[in-house]
Amino acid sequence: MIDWERVDCLRAEIGEADFEEVVDLFLEEVEEVLGRLSPTVRPRQLEADLHFLKGSALNLGFADLAALCQAEERRAAAGAPIDRAPVATLYAASRQAFLARLRPSGRRGQAA
């Protein structure tokens, strides 16, 4: 679900303080974009939003979410309808696993 090697590499590259900022920004932006995904959105916008989610997820090690977003991005590019529910469900599970390891006490702003 989470590529912890990628997470550790990113943390080492940018340092703890910047890593926390990246995590917080990632969570905010992903939740905002997930809120926009709907069947009424133009296919090009869906494709762009799913592309954004895929890239963001890869950057922070959410490997399974990135793969699902890539598949849905391809569907949107082909004009096929996408199903937001599996993306939102996988994001929620990934987020929970990610934060449980980084912030075991549930506190924000301090990675473990």
PDB file of N, CA and C in Angstrom:
ATOM      1  N   MET A   1       0.822  -1.187   0.000  1.00  0.00           N
ATOM      2  CA  MET A   1       0.000   0.000   0.000  1.00  0.00           C
ATOM      3  C   MET A   1       0.874   1.263   0.000  1.00  0.00           C
ATOM      4  N   ILE A   2       1.818   1.338   0.937  1.00  0.00           N
ATOM      5  CA  ILE A   2       2.723   2.477   1.035  1.00  0.00           C
ATOM      6  C   ILE A   2       4.137   2.006   0.718  1.00  0.00           C
ATOM      7  N   ASP A   3       4.815   2.747  -0.129  1.00  0.00           N
ATOM      8  CA  ASP A   3       6.214   2.479  -0.449  1.00  0.00           C
ATOM      9  C   ASP A   3       7.059   3.219   0.592  1.00  0.00           C
ATOM     10  N   TRP A   4       7.370   2.525   1.683  1.00  0.00           N
ATOM     11  CA  TRP A   4       8.069   3.168   2.793  1.00  0.00           C
ATOM     12  C   TRP A   4       9.492   3.561   2.426  1.00  0.00           C
ATOM     13  N   GLU A   5      10.101   2.870   1.478  1.00  0.00           N
ATOM     14  CA  GLU A   5      11.430   3.289   1.013  1.00  0.00           C
ATOM     15  C   GLU A   5      11.357   4.672   0.387  1.00  0.00           C
ATOM     16  N   ARG A   6      10.307   4.920  -0.406  1.00  0.00           N
ATOM     17  CA  ARG A   6      10.122   6.234  -1.013  1.00  0.00           C
ATOM     18  C   ARG A   6       9.885   7.295   0.054  1.00  0.00           C
ATOM     19  N   VAL A   7       9.084   6.975   1.049  1.00  0.00           N
ATOM     20  CA  VAL A   7       8.804   7.910   2.141  1.00  0.00           C
ATOM     21  C   VAL A   7      10.100   8.270   2.859  1.00  0.00           C
ATOM     22  N   ASP A   8      10.885   7.257   3.210  1.00  0.00           N
ATOM     23  CA  ASP A   8      12.142   7.490   3.922  1.00  0.00           C
ATOM     24  C   ASP A   8      13.128   8.292   3.078  1.00  0.00           C
ATOM     25  N   CYS A   9      13.160   8.007   1.783  1.00  0.00           N
ATOM     26  CA  CYS A   9      14.047   8.730   0.877  1.00  0.00           C
ATOM     27  C   CYS A   9      13.649  10.207   0.797  1.00  0.00           C
ATOM     28  N   LEU A  10      12.363  10.468   0.640  1.00  0.00           N
ATOM     29  CA  LEU A  10      11.888  11.848   0.573  1.00  0.00           C
ATOM     30  C   LEU A  10      12.197  12.583   1.871  1.00  0.00           C
ATOM     31  N   ARG A  11      11.950  11.940   2.982  1.00  0.00           N
ATOM     32  CA  ARG A  11      12.225  12.558   4.282  1.00  0.00           C
ATOM     33  C   ARG A  11      13.707  12.898   4.414  1.00  0.00           C
ATOM     34  N   ALA A  12      14.569  11.994   3.997  1.00  0.00           N
ATOM     35  CA  ALA A  12      16.014  12.245   4.069  1.00  0.00           C
ATOM     36  C   ALA A  12      16.439  13.376   3.125  1.00  0.00           C
ATOM     37  N   GLU A  13      15.808  13.432   1.952  1.00  0.00           N
ATOM     38  CA  GLU A  13      16.160  14.456   0.958  1.00  0.00           C
ATOM     39  C   GLU A  13      15.794  15.859   1.416  1.00  0.00           C
ATOM     40  N   ILE A  14      14.627  16.009   2.042  1.00  0.00           N
ATOM     41  CA  ILE A  14      14.143  17.363   2.325  1.00  0.00           C
ATOM     42  C   ILE A  14      14.173  17.744   3.806  1.00  0.00           C
ATOM     43  N   GLY A  15      14.428  16.797   4.691  1.00  0.00           N
ATOM     44  CA  GLY A  15      14.488  17.097   6.120  1.00  0.00           C
ATOM     45  C   GLY A  15      13.123  17.003   6.778  1.00  0.00           C
ATOM     46  N   GLU A  16      13.147  16.863   8.093  1.00  0.00           N
ATOM     47  CA  GLU A  16      11.922  16.635   8.863  1.00  0.00           C
ATOM     48  C   GLU A  16      10.903  17.763   8.734  1.00  0.00           C
ATOM     49  N   ALA A  17      11.339  19.004   8.897  1.00  0.00           N
ATOM     50  CA  ALA A  17      10.393  20.128   8.877  1.00  0.00           C
ATOM     51  C   ALA A  17       9.706  20.240   7.521  1.00  0.00           C
ATOM     52  N   ASP A  18      10.481  20.178   6.454  1.00  0.00           N
ATOM     53  CA  ASP A  18       9.894  20.270   5.120  1.00  0.00           C
ATOM     54  C   ASP A  18       9.056  19.039   4.799  1.00  0.00           C
ATOM     55  N   PHE A  19       9.463  17.887   5.310  1.00  0.00           N
ATOM     56  CA  PHE A  19       8.688  16.673   5.088  1.00  0.00           C
ATOM     57  C   PHE A  19       7.296  16.822   5.700  1.00  0.00           C
ATOM     58  N   GLU A  20       7.225  17.331   6.916  1.00  0.00           N
ATOM     59  CA  GLU A  20       5.929  17.538   7.564  1.00  0.00           C
ATOM     60  C   GLU A  20       5.062  18.477   6.741  1.00  0.00           C
ATOM     61  N   GLU A  21       5.664  19.522   6.214  1.00  0.00           N
ATOM     62  CA  GLU A  21       4.918  20.476   5.391  1.00  0.00           C
ATOM     63  C   GLU A  21       4.401  19.807   4.119  1.00  0.00           C
ATOM     64  N   VAL A  22       5.241  18.985   3.489  1.00  0.00           N
ATOM     65  CA  VAL A  22       4.838  18.264   2.284  1.00  0.00           C
ATOM     66  C   VAL A  22       3.675  17.316   2.589  1.00  0.00           C
ATOM     67  N   VAL A  23       3.764  16.604   3.697  1.00  0.00           N
ATOM     68  CA  VAL A  23       2.688  15.677   4.087  1.00  0.00           C
ATOM     69  C   VAL A  23       1.383  16.429   4.286  1.00  0.00           C
ATOM     70  N   ASP A  24       1.432  17.513   5.039  1.00  0.00           N
ATOM     71  CA  ASP A  24       0.209  18.280   5.299  1.00  0.00           C
ATOM     72  C   ASP A  24      -0.382  18.829   4.008  1.00  0.00           C
ATOM     73  N   LEU A  25       0.453  19.364   3.134  1.00  0.00           N
ATOM     74  CA  LEU A  25      -0.007  19.899   1.854  1.00  0.00           C
ATOM     75  C   LEU A  25      -0.594  18.793   0.982  1.00  0.00           C
ATOM     76  N   PHE A  26       0.074  17.651   0.944  1.00  0.00           N
ATOM     77  CA  PHE A  26      -0.411  16.510   0.175  1.00  0.00           C
ATOM     78  C   PHE A  26      -1.816  16.111   0.635  1.00  0.00           C
ATOM     79  N   LEU A  27      -1.994  15.952   1.931  1.00  0.00           N
ATOM     80  CA  LEU A  27      -3.290  15.528   2.455  1.00  0.00           C
ATOM     81  C   LEU A  27      -4.384  16.543   2.129  1.00  0.00           C
ATOM     82  N   GLU A  28      -4.080  17.818   2.278  1.00  0.00           N
ATOM     83  CA  GLU A  28      -5.063  18.861   1.958  1.00  0.00           C
ATOM     84  C   GLU A  28      -5.430  18.850   0.481  1.00  0.00           C
ATOM     85  N   GLU A  29      -4.423  18.806  -0.375  1.00  0.00           N
ATOM     86  CA  GLU A  29      -4.676  18.875  -1.819  1.00  0.00           C
ATOM     87  C   GLU A  29      -5.397  17.639  -2.332  1.00  0.00           C
ATOM     88  N   VAL A  30      -5.011  16.480  -1.851  1.00  0.00           N
ATOM     89  CA  VAL A  30      -5.663  15.247  -2.301  1.00  0.00           C
ATOM     90  C   VAL A  30      -7.137  15.264  -1.904  1.00  0.00           C
ATOM     91  N   GLU A  31      -7.422  15.664  -0.699  1.00  0.00           N
ATOM     92  CA  GLU A  31      -8.819  15.693  -0.256  1.00  0.00           C
ATOM     93  C   GLU A  31      -9.622  16.716  -1.065  1.00  0.00           C
ATOM     94  N   GLU A  32      -9.005  17.825  -1.413  1.00  0.00           N
ATOM     95  CA  GLU A  32      -9.683  18.820  -2.244  1.00  0.00           C
ATOM     96  C   GLU A  32      -9.992  18.250  -3.629  1.00  0.00           C
ATOM     97  N   VAL A  33      -9.016  17.606  -4.237  1.00  0.00           N
ATOM     98  CA  VAL A  33      -9.209  17.050  -5.581  1.00  0.00           C
ATOM     99  C   VAL A  33     -10.209  15.903  -5.548  1.00  0.00           C
ATOM    100  N   LEU A  34     -10.150  15.068  -4.529  1.00  0.00           N
ATOM    101  CA  LEU A  34     -11.130  13.978  -4.414  1.00  0.00           C
ATOM    102  C   LEU A  34     -12.550  14.525  -4.358  1.00  0.00           C
ATOM    103  N   GLY A  35     -12.705  15.653  -3.722  1.00  0.00           N
ATOM    104  CA  GLY A  35     -14.018  16.278  -3.631  1.00  0.00           C
ATOM    105  C   GLY A  35     -14.553  16.753  -4.976  1.00  0.00           C
ATOM    106  N   ARG A  36     -13.652  16.982  -5.927  1.00  0.00           N
ATOM    107  CA  ARG A  36     -14.070  17.433  -7.262  1.00  0.00           C
ATOM    108  C   ARG A  36     -14.415  16.287  -8.198  1.00  0.00           C
ATOM    109  N   LEU A  37     -13.977  15.091  -7.901  1.00  0.00           N
ATOM    110  CA  LEU A  37     -14.215  13.961  -8.803  1.00  0.00           C
ATOM    111  C   LEU A  37     -15.693  13.594  -8.792  1.00  0.00           C
ATOM    112  N   SER A  38     -16.320  13.691  -9.935  1.00  0.00           N
ATOM    113  CA  SER A  38     -17.716  13.277 -10.052  1.00  0.00           C
ATOM    114  C   SER A  38     -18.024  13.009 -11.525  1.00  0.00           C
ATOM    115  N   PRO A  39     -19.071  12.248 -11.778  1.00  0.00           N
ATOM    116  CA  PRO A  39     -19.435  11.941 -13.167  1.00  0.00           C
ATOM    117  C   PRO A  39     -19.833  13.178 -13.967  1.00  0.00           C
ATOM    118  N   THR A  40     -20.168  14.267 -13.301  1.00  0.00           N
ATOM    119  CA  THR A  40     -20.598  15.470 -14.016  1.00  0.00           C
ATOM    120  C   THR A  40     -19.432  16.340 -14.477  1.00  0.00           C
ATOM    121  N   VAL A  41     -18.232  16.025 -14.027  1.00  0.00           N
ATOM    122  CA  VAL A  41     -17.048  16.793 -14.418  1.00  0.00           C
ATOM    123  C   VAL A  41     -16.618  16.373 -15.817  1.00  0.00           C
ATOM    124  N   ARG A  42     -16.181  17.345 -16.605  1.00  0.00           N
ATOM    125  CA  ARG A  42     -15.713  17.054 -17.966  1.00  0.00           C
ATOM    126  C   ARG A  42     -14.596  16.008 -17.941  1.00  0.00           C
ATOM    127  N   PRO A  43     -14.563  15.111 -18.922  1.00  0.00           N
ATOM    128  CA  PRO A  43     -13.532  14.064 -18.951  1.00  0.00           C
ATOM    129  C   PRO A  43     -12.109  14.614 -18.896  1.00  0.00           C
ATOM    130  N   ARG A  44     -11.845  15.733 -19.573  1.00  0.00           N
ATOM    131  CA  ARG A  44     -10.486  16.308 -19.547  1.00  0.00           C
ATOM    132  C   ARG A  44     -10.106  16.756 -18.136  1.00  0.00           C
ATOM    133  N   GLN A  45     -11.073  17.324 -17.409  1.00  0.00           N
ATOM    134  CA  GLN A  45     -10.789  17.747 -16.035  1.00  0.00           C
ATOM    135  C   GLN A  45     -10.585  16.536 -15.140  1.00  0.00           C
ATOM    136  N   LEU A  46     -11.407  15.498 -15.322  1.00  0.00           N
ATOM    137  CA  LEU A  46     -11.209  14.256 -14.560  1.00  0.00           C
ATOM    138  C   LEU A  46      -9.824  13.684 -14.818  1.00  0.00           C
ATOM    139  N   GLU A  47      -9.460  13.658 -16.080  1.00  0.00           N
ATOM    140  CA  GLU A  47      -8.147  13.132 -16.454  1.00  0.00           C
ATOM    141  C   GLU A  47      -7.042  13.939 -15.771  1.00  0.00           C
ATOM    142  N   ALA A  48      -7.147  15.258 -15.802  1.00  0.00           N
ATOM    143  CA  ALA A  48      -6.139  16.119 -15.175  1.00  0.00           C
ATOM    144  C   ALA A  48      -6.097  15.915 -13.659  1.00  0.00           C
ATOM    145  N   ASP A  49      -7.258  15.823 -13.038  1.00  0.00           N
ATOM    146  CA  ASP A  49      -7.297  15.615 -11.590  1.00  0.00           C
ATOM    147  C   ASP A  49      -6.710  14.260 -11.204  1.00  0.00           C
ATOM    148  N   LEU A  50      -7.031  13.237 -11.962  1.00  0.00           N
ATOM    149  CA  LEU A  50      -6.481  11.907 -11.676  1.00  0.00           C
ATOM    150  C   LEU A  50      -4.973  11.868 -11.924  1.00  0.00           C
ATOM    151  N   HIS A  51      -4.520  12.604 -12.926  1.00  0.00           N
ATOM    152  CA  HIS A  51      -3.082  12.698 -13.185  1.00  0.00           C
ATOM    153  C   HIS A  51      -2.387  13.371 -11.997  1.00  0.00           C
ATOM    154  N   PHE A  52      -2.976  14.440 -11.493  1.00  0.00           N
ATOM    155  CA  PHE A  52      -2.430  15.116 -10.321  1.00  0.00           C
ATOM    156  C   PHE A  52      -2.373  14.158  -9.124  1.00  0.00           C
ATOM    157  N   LEU A  53      -3.467  13.453  -8.879  1.00  0.00           N
ATOM    158  CA  LEU A  53      -3.500  12.511  -7.758  1.00  0.00           C
ATOM    159  C   LEU A  53      -2.432  11.435  -7.910  1.00  0.00           C
ATOM    160  N   LYS A  54      -2.287  10.926  -9.122  1.00  0.00           N
ATOM    161  CA  LYS A  54      -1.282   9.883  -9.380  1.00  0.00           C
ATOM    162  C   LYS A  54       0.116  10.392  -9.048  1.00  0.00           C
ATOM    163  N   GLY A  55       0.458  11.557  -9.561  1.00  0.00           N
ATOM    164  CA  GLY A  55       1.790  12.109  -9.323  1.00  0.00           C
ATOM    165  C   GLY A  55       2.045  12.421  -7.861  1.00  0.00           C
ATOM    166  N   SER A  56       1.066  13.002  -7.214  1.00  0.00           N
ATOM    167  CA  SER A  56       1.201  13.325  -5.794  1.00  0.00           C
ATOM    168  C   SER A  56       1.355  12.056  -4.966  1.00  0.00           C
ATOM    169  N   ALA A  57       0.560  11.056  -5.289  1.00  0.00           N
ATOM    170  CA  ALA A  57       0.623   9.793  -4.564  1.00  0.00           C
ATOM    171  C   ALA A  57       1.983   9.116  -4.746  1.00  0.00           C
ATOM    172  N   LEU A  58       2.495   9.125  -5.957  1.00  0.00           N
ATOM    173  CA  LEU A  58       3.812   8.535  -6.205  1.00  0.00           C
ATOM    174  C   LEU A  58       4.890   9.258  -5.416  1.00  0.00           C
ATOM    175  N   ASN A  59       4.821  10.573  -5.395  1.00  0.00           N
ATOM    176  CA  ASN A  59       5.818  11.375  -4.696  1.00  0.00           C
ATOM    177  C   ASN A  59       5.891  11.034  -3.222  1.00  0.00           C
ATOM    178  N   LEU A  60       4.753  10.761  -2.617  1.00  0.00           N
ATOM    179  CA  LEU A  60       4.728  10.501  -1.180  1.00  0.00           C
ATOM    180  C   LEU A  60       4.640   9.016  -0.833  1.00  0.00           C
ATOM    181  N   GLY A  61       4.773   8.150  -1.825  1.00  0.00           N
ATOM    182  CA  GLY A  61       4.845   6.722  -1.551  1.00  0.00           C
ATOM    183  C   GLY A  61       3.519   5.992  -1.471  1.00  0.00           C
ATOM    184  N   PHE A  62       2.427   6.630  -1.881  1.00  0.00           N
ATOM    185  CA  PHE A  62       1.127   5.967  -1.881  1.00  0.00           C
ATOM    186  C   PHE A  62       1.015   5.149  -3.179  1.00  0.00           C
ATOM    187  N   ALA A  63       1.740   4.051  -3.238  1.00  0.00           N
ATOM    188  CA  ALA A  63       1.920   3.276  -4.464  1.00  0.00           C
ATOM    189  C   ALA A  63       0.612   2.701  -5.019  1.00  0.00           C
ATOM    190  N   ASP A  64      -0.191   2.092  -4.185  1.00  0.00           N
ATOM    191  CA  ASP A  64      -1.438   1.497  -4.666  1.00  0.00           C
ATOM    192  C   ASP A  64      -2.415   2.564  -5.155  1.00  0.00           C
ATOM    193  N   LEU A  65      -2.471   3.671  -4.448  1.00  0.00           N
ATOM    194  CA  LEU A  65      -3.335   4.764  -4.871  1.00  0.00           C
ATOM    195  C   LEU A  65      -2.875   5.314  -6.216  1.00  0.00           C
ATOM    196  N   ALA A  66      -1.582   5.457  -6.397  1.00  0.00           N
ATOM    197  CA  ALA A  66      -1.048   5.945  -7.672  1.00  0.00           C
ATOM    198  C   ALA A  66      -1.439   5.013  -8.816  1.00  0.00           C
ATOM    199  N   ALA A  67      -1.342   3.711  -8.596  1.00  0.00           N
ATOM    200  CA  ALA A  67      -1.692   2.741  -9.639  1.00  0.00           C
ATOM    201  C   ALA A  67      -3.180   2.822  -9.986  1.00  0.00           C
ATOM    202  N   LEU A  68      -4.026   2.940  -8.985  1.00  0.00           N
ATOM    203  CA  LEU A  68      -5.456   3.048  -9.239  1.00  0.00           C
ATOM    204  C   LEU A  68      -5.777   4.347  -9.977  1.00  0.00           C
ATOM    205  N   CYS A  69      -5.154   5.445  -9.569  1.00  0.00           N
ATOM    206  CA  CYS A  69      -5.384   6.727 -10.250  1.00  0.00           C
ATOM    207  C   CYS A  69      -4.920   6.666 -11.699  1.00  0.00           C
ATOM    208  N   GLN A  70      -3.831   5.955 -11.950  1.00  0.00           N
ATOM    209  CA  GLN A  70      -3.353   5.807 -13.327  1.00  0.00           C
ATOM    210  C   GLN A  70      -4.378   5.050 -14.166  1.00  0.00           C
ATOM    211  N   ALA A  71      -4.925   3.993 -13.625  1.00  0.00           N
ATOM    212  CA  ALA A  71      -5.941   3.223 -14.351  1.00  0.00           C
ATOM    213  C   ALA A  71      -7.184   4.077 -14.619  1.00  0.00           C
ATOM    214  N   GLU A  72      -7.614   4.827 -13.612  1.00  0.00           N
ATOM    215  CA  GLU A  72      -8.790   5.685 -13.789  1.00  0.00           C
ATOM    216  C   GLU A  72      -8.489   6.850 -14.725  1.00  0.00           C
ATOM    217  N   GLU A  73      -7.261   7.342 -14.696  1.00  0.00           N
ATOM    218  CA  GLU A  73      -6.856   8.407 -15.621  1.00  0.00           C
ATOM    219  C   GLU A  73      -6.970   7.921 -17.069  1.00  0.00           C
ATOM    220  N   ARG A  74      -6.540   6.708 -17.306  1.00  0.00           N
ATOM    221  CA  ARG A  74      -6.643   6.132 -18.653  1.00  0.00           C
ATOM    222  C   ARG A  74      -8.108   5.976 -19.072  1.00  0.00           C
ATOM    223  N   ARG A  75      -8.946   5.574 -18.128  1.00  0.00           N
ATOM    224  CA  ARG A  75     -10.378   5.447 -18.427  1.00  0.00           C
ATOM    225  C   ARG A  75     -10.965   6.811 -18.785  1.00  0.00           C
ATOM    226  N   ALA A  76     -10.612   7.817 -18.012  1.00  0.00           N
ATOM    227  CA  ALA A  76     -11.118   9.166 -18.287  1.00  0.00           C
ATOM    228  C   ALA A  76     -10.629   9.664 -19.642  1.00  0.00           C
ATOM    229  N   ALA A  77      -9.363   9.368 -19.967  1.00  0.00           N
ATOM    230  CA  ALA A  77      -8.801   9.789 -21.259  1.00  0.00           C
ATOM    231  C   ALA A  77      -9.541   9.124 -22.417  1.00  0.00           C
ATOM    232  N   ALA A  78     -10.036   7.927 -22.196  1.00  0.00           N
ATOM    233  CA  ALA A  78     -10.775   7.194 -23.227  1.00  0.00           C
ATOM    234  C   ALA A  78     -12.250   7.580 -23.252  1.00  0.00           C
ATOM    235  N   GLY A  79     -12.639   8.474 -22.342  1.00  0.00           N
ATOM    236  CA  GLY A  79     -14.030   8.905 -22.301  1.00  0.00           C
ATOM    237  C   GLY A  79     -14.938   7.995 -21.503  1.00  0.00           C
ATOM    238  N   ALA A  80     -14.365   7.004 -20.842  1.00  0.00           N
ATOM    239  CA  ALA A  80     -15.162   6.072 -20.031  1.00  0.00           C
ATOM    240  C   ALA A  80     -15.470   6.709 -18.678  1.00  0.00           C
ATOM    241  N   PRO A  81     -16.573   6.345 -18.085  1.00  0.00           N
ATOM    242  CA  PRO A  81     -16.881   6.890 -16.759  1.00  0.00           C
ATOM    243  C   PRO A  81     -15.910   6.342 -15.720  1.00  0.00           C
ATOM    244  N   ILE A  82     -15.641   7.146 -14.728  1.00  0.00           N
ATOM    245  CA  ILE A  82     -14.792   6.674 -13.638  1.00  0.00           C
ATOM    246  C   ILE A  82     -15.645   6.525 -12.394  1.00  0.00           C
ATOM    247  N   ASP A  83     -15.169   5.683 -11.486  1.00  0.00           N
ATOM    248  CA  ASP A  83     -15.858   5.471 -10.223  1.00  0.00           C
ATOM    249  C   ASP A  83     -14.993   6.072  -9.121  1.00  0.00           C
ATOM    250  N   ARG A  84     -15.467   7.142  -8.515  1.00  0.00           N
ATOM    251  CA  ARG A  84     -14.733   7.849  -7.478  1.00  0.00           C
ATOM    252  C   ARG A  84     -14.580   7.016  -6.210  1.00  0.00           C
ATOM    253  N   ALA A  85     -15.557   6.175  -5.917  1.00  0.00           N
ATOM    254  CA  ALA A  85     -15.592   5.447  -4.646  1.00  0.00           C
ATOM    255  C   ALA A  85     -14.332   4.619  -4.377  1.00  0.00           C
ATOM    256  N   PRO A  86     -13.847   3.807  -5.311  1.00  0.00           N
ATOM    257  CA  PRO A  86     -12.634   3.036  -5.011  1.00  0.00           C
ATOM    258  C   PRO A  86     -11.413   3.926  -4.760  1.00  0.00           C
ATOM    259  N   VAL A  87     -11.327   5.050  -5.470  1.00  0.00           N
ATOM    260  CA  VAL A  87     -10.204   5.976  -5.261  1.00  0.00           C
ATOM    261  C   VAL A  87     -10.287   6.564  -3.859  1.00  0.00           C
ATOM    262  N   ALA A  88     -11.460   7.022  -3.472  1.00  0.00           N
ATOM    263  CA  ALA A  88     -11.644   7.615  -2.144  1.00  0.00           C
ATOM    264  C   ALA A  88     -11.414   6.581  -1.040  1.00  0.00           C
ATOM    265  N   THR A  89     -11.896   5.367  -1.243  1.00  0.00           N
ATOM    266  CA  THR A  89     -11.725   4.309  -0.244  1.00  0.00           C
ATOM    267  C   THR A  89     -10.262   3.937  -0.072  1.00  0.00           C
ATOM    268  N   LEU A  90      -9.557   3.786  -1.190  1.00  0.00           N
ATOM    269  CA  LEU A  90      -8.134   3.437  -1.114  1.00  0.00           C
ATOM    270  C   LEU A  90      -7.328   4.581  -0.514  1.00  0.00           C
ATOM    271  N   TYR A  91      -7.673   5.815  -0.851  1.00  0.00           N
ATOM    272  CA  TYR A  91      -6.988   6.957  -0.245  1.00  0.00           C
ATOM    273  C   TYR A  91      -7.182   6.933   1.272  1.00  0.00           C
ATOM    274  N   ALA A  92      -8.401   6.724   1.733  1.00  0.00           N
ATOM    275  CA  ALA A  92      -8.674   6.722   3.173  1.00  0.00           C
ATOM    276  C   ALA A  92      -7.871   5.633   3.882  1.00  0.00           C
ATOM    277  N   ALA A  93      -7.820   4.443   3.308  1.00  0.00           N
ATOM    278  CA  ALA A  93      -7.060   3.346   3.917  1.00  0.00           C
ATOM    279  C   ALA A  93      -5.563   3.640   3.895  1.00  0.00           C
ATOM    280  N   SER A  94      -5.081   4.176   2.785  1.00  0.00           N
ATOM    281  CA  SER A  94      -3.657   4.516   2.665  1.00  0.00           C
ATOM    282  C   SER A  94      -3.287   5.619   3.644  1.00  0.00           C
ATOM    283  N   ARG A  95      -4.129   6.632   3.735  1.00  0.00           N
ATOM    284  CA  ARG A  95      -3.897   7.749   4.647  1.00  0.00           C
ATOM    285  C   ARG A  95      -3.813   7.243   6.082  1.00  0.00           C
ATOM    286  N   GLN A  96      -4.738   6.363   6.444  1.00  0.00           N
ATOM    287  CA  GLN A  96      -4.752   5.831   7.801  1.00  0.00           C
ATOM    288  C   GLN A  96      -3.463   5.055   8.102  1.00  0.00           C
ATOM    289  N   ALA A  97      -3.045   4.192   7.180  1.00  0.00           N
ATOM    290  CA  ALA A  97      -1.820   3.417   7.383  1.00  0.00           C
ATOM    291  C   ALA A  97      -0.600   4.334   7.449  1.00  0.00           C
ATOM    292  N   PHE A  98      -0.578   5.322   6.582  1.00  0.00           N
ATOM    293  CA  PHE A  98       0.539   6.270   6.521  1.00  0.00           C
ATOM    294  C   PHE A  98       0.653   7.052   7.826  1.00  0.00           C
ATOM    295  N   LEU A  99      -0.442   7.640   8.259  1.00  0.00           N
ATOM    296  CA  LEU A  99      -0.409   8.466   9.467  1.00  0.00           C
ATOM    297  C   LEU A  99      -0.198   7.630  10.727  1.00  0.00           C
ATOM    298  N   ALA A 100      -0.682   6.414  10.725  1.00  0.00           N
ATOM    299  CA  ALA A 100      -0.488   5.548  11.892  1.00  0.00           C
ATOM    300  C   ALA A 100       0.995   5.283  12.129  1.00  0.00           C
ATOM    301  N   ARG A 101       1.737   5.169  11.053  1.00  0.00           N
ATOM    302  CA  ARG A 101       3.173   4.918  11.200  1.00  0.00           C
ATOM    303  C   ARG A 101       3.942   6.206  11.467  1.00  0.00           C
ATOM    304  N   LEU A 102       3.548   7.291  10.824  1.00  0.00           N
ATOM    305  CA  LEU A 102       4.276   8.546  11.005  1.00  0.00           C
ATOM    306  C   LEU A 102       3.925   9.251  12.299  1.00  0.00           C
ATOM    307  N   ARG A 103       2.666   9.186  12.667  1.00  0.00           N
ATOM    308  CA  ARG A 103       2.162   9.934  13.827  1.00  0.00           C
ATOM    309  C   ARG A 103       1.363   8.991  14.725  1.00  0.00           C
ATOM    310  N   PRO A 104       2.053   8.061  15.370  1.00  0.00           N
ATOM    311  CA  PRO A 104       1.332   7.028  16.115  1.00  0.00           C
ATOM    312  C   PRO A 104       0.404   7.560  17.201  1.00  0.00           C
ATOM    313  N   SER A 105       0.660   8.731  17.738  1.00  0.00           N
ATOM    314  CA  SER A 105      -0.223   9.254  18.779  1.00  0.00           C
ATOM    315  C   SER A 105      -1.352  10.073  18.191  1.00  0.00           C
ATOM    316  N   GLY A 106      -1.381  10.199  16.830  1.00  0.00           N
ATOM    317  CA  GLY A 106      -2.437  10.936  16.169  1.00  0.00           C
ATOM    318  C   GLY A 106      -2.198  12.433  16.129  1.00  0.00           C
ATOM    319  N   ARG A 107      -1.044  12.890  16.611  1.00  0.00           N
ATOM    320  CA  ARG A 107      -0.799  14.326  16.616  1.00  0.00           C
ATOM    321  C   ARG A 107      -0.412  14.815  15.234  1.00  0.00           C
ATOM    322  N   ARG A 108      -0.812  16.021  14.917  1.00  0.00           N
ATOM    323  CA  ARG A 108      -0.446  16.644  13.650  1.00  0.00           C
ATOM    324  C   ARG A 108       0.818  17.453  13.863  1.00  0.00           C
ATOM    325  N   GLY A 109       1.567  17.598  12.767  1.00  0.00           N
ATOM    326  CA  GLY A 109       2.696  18.501  12.792  1.00  0.00           C
ATOM    327  C   GLY A 109       3.989  17.900  13.306  1.00  0.00           C
ATOM    328  N   GLN A 110       3.982  16.623  13.725  1.00  0.00           N
ATOM    329  CA  GLN A 110       5.205  16.003  14.187  1.00  0.00           C
ATOM    330  C   GLN A 110       5.269  14.568  13.695  1.00  0.00           C
ATOM    331  N   ALA A 111       6.190  14.316  12.796  1.00  0.00           N
ATOM    332  CA  ALA A 111       6.368  12.944  12.310  1.00  0.00           C
ATOM    333  C   ALA A 111       7.129  12.142  13.342  1.00  0.00           C
ATOM    334  N   ALA A 112       6.822  10.874  13.411  1.00  0.00           N
ATOM    335  CA  ALA A 112       7.520   9.980  14.347  1.00  0.00           C
ATOM    336  C   ALA A 112       8.854   9.571  13.802  1.00  0.00           C
TER     337      ALA A 112
END
